[in-house]
PDB file of all heavy atoms in Angstrom:
ATOM      1  N   ALA A   1      33.005  45.322  52.606  1.00  0.00           N
ATOM      2  CA  ALA A   1      32.960  44.364  51.360  1.00  0.00           C
ATOM      3  C   ALA A   1      34.208  43.544  51.323  1.00  0.00           C
ATOM      4  O   ALA A   1      34.194  42.359  51.020  1.00  0.00           O
ATOM      5  CB  ALA A   1      32.773  45.214  50.168  1.00  0.00           C
ATOM      6  N   ASP A   2      35.411  44.160  51.719  1.00  0.00           N
ATOM      7  CA  ASP A   2      36.572  43.244  51.639  1.00  0.00           C
ATOM      8  C   ASP A   2      36.580  42.050  52.660  1.00  0.00           C
ATOM      9  O   ASP A   2      36.999  40.953  52.465  1.00  0.00           O
ATOM     10  CB  ASP A   2      37.859  44.240  51.992  1.00  0.00           C
ATOM     11  CG  ASP A   2      38.188  45.127  50.813  1.00  0.00           C
ATOM     12  OD1 ASP A   2      37.630  44.829  49.756  1.00  0.00           O
ATOM     13  OD2 ASP A   2      38.808  46.189  51.049  1.00  0.00           O
ATOM     14  N   THR A   3      36.120  42.420  53.796  1.00  0.00           N
ATOM     15  CA  THR A   3      36.083  41.386  54.888  1.00  0.00           C
ATOM     16  C   THR A   3      35.018  40.251  54.363  1.00  0.00           C
ATOM     17  O   THR A   3      35.145  39.005  54.604  1.00  0.00           O
ATOM     18  CB  THR A   3      35.515  41.928  56.171  1.00  0.00           C
ATOM     19  OG1 THR A   3      36.410  42.915  56.715  1.00  0.00           O
ATOM     20  CG2 THR A   3      35.503  40.810  57.291  1.00  0.00           C
ATOM     21  N   ALA A   4      33.848  40.804  53.853  1.00  0.00           N
ATOM     22  CA  ALA A   4      32.877  39.634  53.358  1.00  0.00           C
ATOM     23  C   ALA A   4      33.475  38.821  52.274  1.00  0.00           C
ATOM     24  O   ALA A   4      33.233  37.640  52.182  1.00  0.00           O
ATOM     25  CB  ALA A   4      31.655  40.588  52.764  1.00  0.00           C
ATOM     26  N   ALA A   5      34.410  39.478  51.433  1.00  0.00           N
ATOM     27  CA  ALA A   5      34.946  38.663  50.403  1.00  0.00           C
ATOM     28  C   ALA A   5      35.992  37.714  50.889  1.00  0.00           C
ATOM     29  O   ALA A   5      36.048  36.554  50.470  1.00  0.00           O
ATOM     30  CB  ALA A   5      35.779  39.647  49.399  1.00  0.00           C
ATOM     31  N   GLN A   6      36.605  37.959  52.009  1.00  0.00           N
ATOM     32  CA  GLN A   6      37.579  37.100  52.630  1.00  0.00           C
ATOM     33  C   GLN A   6      36.731  35.847  53.199  1.00  0.00           C
ATOM     34  O   GLN A   6      37.302  34.892  53.060  1.00  0.00           O
ATOM     35  CB  GLN A   6      38.442  37.769  53.714  1.00  0.00           C
ATOM     36  CG  GLN A   6      39.403  38.859  53.215  1.00  0.00           C
ATOM     37  CD  GLN A   6      40.017  39.598  54.366  1.00  0.00           C
ATOM     38  OE1 GLN A   6      39.880  39.338  55.348  1.00  0.00           O
ATOM     39  NE2 GLN A   6      40.905  40.572  53.953  1.00  0.00           N
ATOM     40  N   VAL A   7      35.724  36.245  54.005  1.00  0.00           N
ATOM     41  CA  VAL A   7      34.998  35.102  54.547  1.00  0.00           C
ATOM     42  C   VAL A   7      34.370  34.187  53.526  1.00  0.00           C
ATOM     43  O   VAL A   7      34.607  32.975  53.537  1.00  0.00           O
ATOM     44  CB  VAL A   7      33.854  35.746  55.432  1.00  0.00           C
ATOM     45  CG1 VAL A   7      32.943  34.641  55.863  1.00  0.00           C
ATOM     46  CG2 VAL A   7      34.354  36.564  56.578  1.00  0.00           C
ATOM     47  N   LEU A   8      33.721  34.812  52.437  1.00  0.00           N
ATOM     48  CA  LEU A   8      33.147  33.866  51.525  1.00  0.00           C
ATOM     49  C   LEU A   8      34.089  33.178  50.665  1.00  0.00           C
ATOM     50  O   LEU A   8      33.919  31.995  50.239  1.00  0.00           O
ATOM     51  CB  LEU A   8      32.274  34.787  50.571  1.00  0.00           C
ATOM     52  CG  LEU A   8      31.054  35.294  51.310  1.00  0.00           C
ATOM     53  CD1 LEU A   8      30.109  36.027  50.194  1.00  0.00           C
ATOM     54  CD2 LEU A   8      30.234  34.208  52.014  1.00  0.00           C
ATOM     55  N   SER A   9      35.250  33.691  50.343  1.00  0.00           N
ATOM     56  CA  SER A   9      36.341  33.019  49.662  1.00  0.00           C
ATOM     57  C   SER A   9      36.903  31.795  50.464  1.00  0.00           C
ATOM     58  O   SER A   9      37.049  30.750  49.949  1.00  0.00           O
ATOM     59  CB  SER A   9      37.502  33.962  49.383  1.00  0.00           C
ATOM     60  OG  SER A   9      37.091  35.038  48.584  1.00  0.00           O
ATOM     61  N   GLU A  10      37.090  31.940  51.767  1.00  0.00           N
ATOM     62  CA  GLU A  10      37.444  30.818  52.543  1.00  0.00           C
ATOM     63  C   GLU A  10      36.318  29.855  52.647  1.00  0.00           C
ATOM     64  O   GLU A  10      36.569  28.555  52.685  1.00  0.00           O
ATOM     65  CB  GLU A  10      37.797  31.250  53.966  1.00  0.00           C
ATOM     66  CG  GLU A  10      39.208  31.915  54.074  1.00  0.00           C
ATOM     67  CD  GLU A  10      40.283  31.031  53.536  1.00  0.00           C
ATOM     68  OE1 GLU A  10      40.352  29.907  54.014  1.00  0.00           O
ATOM     69  OE2 GLU A  10      41.020  31.395  52.615  1.00  0.00           O
ATOM     70  N   ALA A  11      35.067  30.135  52.826  1.00  0.00           N
ATOM     71  CA  ALA A  11      34.078  29.221  52.819  1.00  0.00           C
ATOM     72  C   ALA A  11      34.002  28.526  51.543  1.00  0.00           C
ATOM     73  O   ALA A  11      33.629  27.279  51.498  1.00  0.00           O
ATOM     74  CB  ALA A  11      32.608  29.985  53.024  1.00  0.00           C
ATOM     75  N   GLY A  12      34.090  29.242  50.411  1.00  0.00           N
ATOM     76  CA  GLY A  12      34.150  28.563  49.034  1.00  0.00           C
ATOM     77  C   GLY A  12      35.276  27.512  48.921  1.00  0.00           C
ATOM     78  O   GLY A  12      35.082  26.480  48.324  1.00  0.00           O
ATOM     79  N   ARG A  13      36.381  27.927  49.444  1.00  0.00           N
ATOM     80  CA  ARG A  13      37.459  26.969  49.369  1.00  0.00           C
ATOM     81  C   ARG A  13      37.014  25.696  50.058  1.00  0.00           C
ATOM     82  O   ARG A  13      37.361  24.594  49.544  1.00  0.00           O
ATOM     83  CB  ARG A  13      38.718  27.622  49.920  1.00  0.00           C
ATOM     84  CG  ARG A  13      40.037  26.652  49.922  1.00  0.00           C
ATOM     85  CD  ARG A  13      41.087  27.006  50.799  1.00  0.00           C
ATOM     86  NE  ARG A  13      40.558  26.929  52.282  1.00  0.00           N
ATOM     87  CZ  ARG A  13      40.512  25.663  52.892  1.00  0.00           C
ATOM     88  NH1 ARG A  13      40.789  24.576  52.239  1.00  0.00           N
ATOM     89  NH2 ARG A  13      40.098  25.684  54.207  1.00  0.00           N
ATOM     90  N   PHE A  14      36.589  25.886  51.264  1.00  0.00           N
ATOM     91  CA  PHE A  14      36.200  24.653  52.129  1.00  0.00           C
ATOM     92  C   PHE A  14      35.174  23.763  51.318  1.00  0.00           C
ATOM     93  O   PHE A  14      35.264  22.547  51.232  1.00  0.00           O
ATOM     94  CB  PHE A  14      35.734  25.084  53.525  1.00  0.00           C
ATOM     95  CG  PHE A  14      35.296  23.878  54.316  1.00  0.00           C
ATOM     96  CD1 PHE A  14      36.288  23.171  55.058  1.00  0.00           C
ATOM     97  CD2 PHE A  14      34.037  23.403  54.339  1.00  0.00           C
ATOM     98  CE1 PHE A  14      35.894  22.088  55.906  1.00  0.00           C
ATOM     99  CE2 PHE A  14      33.629  22.314  55.087  1.00  0.00           C
ATOM    100  CZ  PHE A  14      34.570  21.855  55.990  1.00  0.00           C
ATOM    101  N   ALA A  15      34.085  24.524  50.862  1.00  0.00           N
ATOM    102  CA  ALA A  15      33.118  23.764  50.102  1.00  0.00           C
ATOM    103  C   ALA A  15      33.558  23.139  48.880  1.00  0.00           C
ATOM    104  O   ALA A  15      33.373  21.886  48.577  1.00  0.00           O
ATOM    105  CB  ALA A  15      31.910  24.737  49.780  1.00  0.00           C
ATOM    106  N   SER A  16      34.394  23.788  48.153  1.00  0.00           N
ATOM    107  CA  SER A  16      34.954  23.174  46.852  1.00  0.00           C
ATOM    108  C   SER A  16      36.025  22.154  46.932  1.00  0.00           C
ATOM    109  O   SER A  16      35.971  21.125  46.292  1.00  0.00           O
ATOM    110  CB  SER A  16      35.457  24.274  45.906  1.00  0.00           C
ATOM    111  OG  SER A  16      34.369  25.396  45.705  1.00  0.00           O
ATOM    112  N   GLN A  17      36.930  22.408  47.934  1.00  0.00           N
ATOM    113  CA  GLN A  17      38.041  21.502  47.995  1.00  0.00           C
ATOM    114  C   GLN A  17      37.951  20.490  49.091  1.00  0.00           C
ATOM    115  O   GLN A  17      38.624  19.410  48.960  1.00  0.00           O
ATOM    116  CB  GLN A  17      39.330  22.378  48.387  1.00  0.00           C
ATOM    117  CG  GLN A  17      39.584  23.309  47.331  1.00  0.00           C
ATOM    118  CD  GLN A  17      40.811  24.345  47.590  1.00  0.00           C
ATOM    119  OE1 GLN A  17      41.608  23.912  48.459  1.00  0.00           O
ATOM    120  NE2 GLN A  17      40.909  25.373  46.916  1.00  0.00           N
ATOM    121  N   VAL A  18      37.092  20.647  50.079  1.00  0.00           N
ATOM    122  CA  VAL A  18      36.954  19.589  51.069  1.00  0.00           C
ATOM    123  C   VAL A  18      35.711  18.840  51.074  1.00  0.00           C
ATOM    124  O   VAL A  18      35.681  17.619  50.977  1.00  0.00           O
ATOM    125  CB  VAL A  18      36.984  20.269  52.554  1.00  0.00           C
ATOM    126  CG1 VAL A  18      36.851  19.209  53.661  1.00  0.00           C
ATOM    127  CG2 VAL A  18      38.299  21.026  52.614  1.00  0.00           C
ATOM    128  N   LEU A  19      34.535  19.442  50.809  1.00  0.00           N
ATOM    129  CA  LEU A  19      33.226  18.927  50.812  1.00  0.00           C
ATOM    130  C   LEU A  19      32.868  18.143  49.435  1.00  0.00           C
ATOM    131  O   LEU A  19      32.456  17.191  49.468  1.00  0.00           O
ATOM    132  CB  LEU A  19      32.127  19.869  51.271  1.00  0.00           C
ATOM    133  CG  LEU A  19      32.222  20.299  52.738  1.00  0.00           C
ATOM    134  CD1 LEU A  19      31.011  21.124  53.048  1.00  0.00           C
ATOM    135  CD2 LEU A  19      32.207  19.025  53.657  1.00  0.00           C
ATOM    136  N   ALA A  20      33.138  18.850  48.366  1.00  0.00           N
ATOM    137  CA  ALA A  20      32.598  18.492  47.149  1.00  0.00           C
ATOM    138  C   ALA A  20      33.343  17.212  46.712  1.00  0.00           C
ATOM    139  O   ALA A  20      32.673  16.294  46.140  1.00  0.00           O
ATOM    140  CB  ALA A  20      32.910  19.530  45.996  1.00  0.00           C
ATOM    141  N   PRO A  21      34.620  16.997  47.004  1.00  0.00           N
ATOM    142  CA  PRO A  21      35.183  15.652  46.562  1.00  0.00           C
ATOM    143  C   PRO A  21      34.670  14.449  47.505  1.00  0.00           C
ATOM    144  O   PRO A  21      34.808  13.263  46.903  1.00  0.00           O
ATOM    145  CB  PRO A  21      36.735  15.913  47.018  1.00  0.00           C
ATOM    146  CG  PRO A  21      36.857  17.337  46.842  1.00  0.00           C
ATOM    147  CD  PRO A  21      35.610  17.858  47.459  1.00  0.00           C
ATOM    148  N   LEU A  22      33.942  14.773  48.546  1.00  0.00           N
ATOM    149  CA  LEU A  22      33.315  13.501  49.255  1.00  0.00           C
ATOM    150  C   LEU A  22      32.064  13.277  48.982  1.00  0.00           C
ATOM    151  O   LEU A  22      31.373  12.455  49.342  1.00  0.00           O
ATOM    152  CB  LEU A  22      33.402  13.986  50.854  1.00  0.00           C
ATOM    153  CG  LEU A  22      34.723  14.432  51.401  1.00  0.00           C
ATOM    154  CD1 LEU A  22      34.524  14.741  52.751  1.00  0.00           C
ATOM    155  CD2 LEU A  22      35.672  13.150  51.473  1.00  0.00           C
ATOM    156  N   ASN A  23      31.383  14.171  47.970  1.00  0.00           N
ATOM    157  CA  ASN A  23      29.961  14.062  47.605  1.00  0.00           C
ATOM    158  C   ASN A  23      29.709  12.614  47.055  1.00  0.00           C
ATOM    159  O   ASN A  23      28.708  12.010  47.463  1.00  0.00           O
ATOM    160  CB  ASN A  23      29.520  15.106  46.711  1.00  0.00           C
ATOM    161  CG  ASN A  23      28.067  15.339  46.641  1.00  0.00           C
ATOM    162  OD1 ASN A  23      27.138  15.099  47.576  1.00  0.00           O
ATOM    163  ND2 ASN A  23      27.677  15.372  45.290  1.00  0.00           N
ATOM    164  N   ALA A  24      30.314  12.338  46.012  1.00  0.00           N
ATOM    165  CA  ALA A  24      29.994  10.944  45.205  1.00  0.00           C
ATOM    166  C   ALA A  24      30.172   9.832  46.046  1.00  0.00           C
ATOM    167  O   ALA A  24      29.558   8.872  46.112  1.00  0.00           O
ATOM    168  CB  ALA A  24      30.722  11.098  43.900  1.00  0.00           C
ATOM    169  N   GLY A  25      31.463   9.863  46.817  1.00  0.00           N
ATOM    170  CA  GLY A  25      31.709   8.773  47.719  1.00  0.00           C
ATOM    171  C   GLY A  25      30.649   8.511  48.718  1.00  0.00           C
ATOM    172  O   GLY A  25      30.307   7.444  49.098  1.00  0.00           O
ATOM    173  N   GLY A  26      30.231   9.678  49.368  1.00  0.00           N
ATOM    174  CA  GLY A  26      29.285   9.548  50.261  1.00  0.00           C
ATOM    175  C   GLY A  26      28.066   8.979  49.867  1.00  0.00           C
ATOM    176  O   GLY A  26      27.238   8.160  50.551  1.00  0.00           O
ATOM    177  N   ASP A  27      27.514   9.229  48.638  1.00  0.00           N
ATOM    178  CA  ASP A  27      26.432   8.831  48.017  1.00  0.00           C
ATOM    179  C   ASP A  27      26.587   7.087  47.753  1.00  0.00           C
ATOM    180  O   ASP A  27      25.585   6.438  48.073  1.00  0.00           O
ATOM    181  CB  ASP A  27      26.138   9.487  46.658  1.00  0.00           C
ATOM    182  CG  ASP A  27      24.951   8.877  45.937  1.00  0.00           C
ATOM    183  OD1 ASP A  27      23.825   9.004  46.556  1.00  0.00           O
ATOM    184  OD2 ASP A  27      24.969   8.330  44.794  1.00  0.00           O
ATOM    185  N   ARG A  28      27.699   6.809  47.271  1.00  0.00           N
ATOM    186  CA  ARG A  28      27.972   5.304  46.921  1.00  0.00           C
ATOM    187  C   ARG A  28      28.004   4.527  48.258  1.00  0.00           C
ATOM    188  O   ARG A  28      27.457   3.525  48.239  1.00  0.00           O
ATOM    189  CB  ARG A  28      29.216   5.179  46.203  1.00  0.00           C
ATOM    190  CG  ARG A  28      29.231   5.565  44.724  1.00  0.00           C
ATOM    191  CD  ARG A  28      30.348   5.143  44.009  1.00  0.00           C
ATOM    192  NE  ARG A  28      31.747   5.513  44.420  1.00  0.00           N
ATOM    193  CZ  ARG A  28      32.356   6.638  44.297  1.00  0.00           C
ATOM    194  NH1 ARG A  28      31.838   7.510  43.304  1.00  0.00           N
ATOM    195  NH2 ARG A  28      33.422   6.995  44.782  1.00  0.00           N
TER     196      ARG A  28
END
């Protein structure tokens, strides 16, 4: 469970901090 938490936390950081800020601009 600890390893899973590390993997998903890093994935969440990438999605939230890298991809989400590009979403609206990509649409426009």
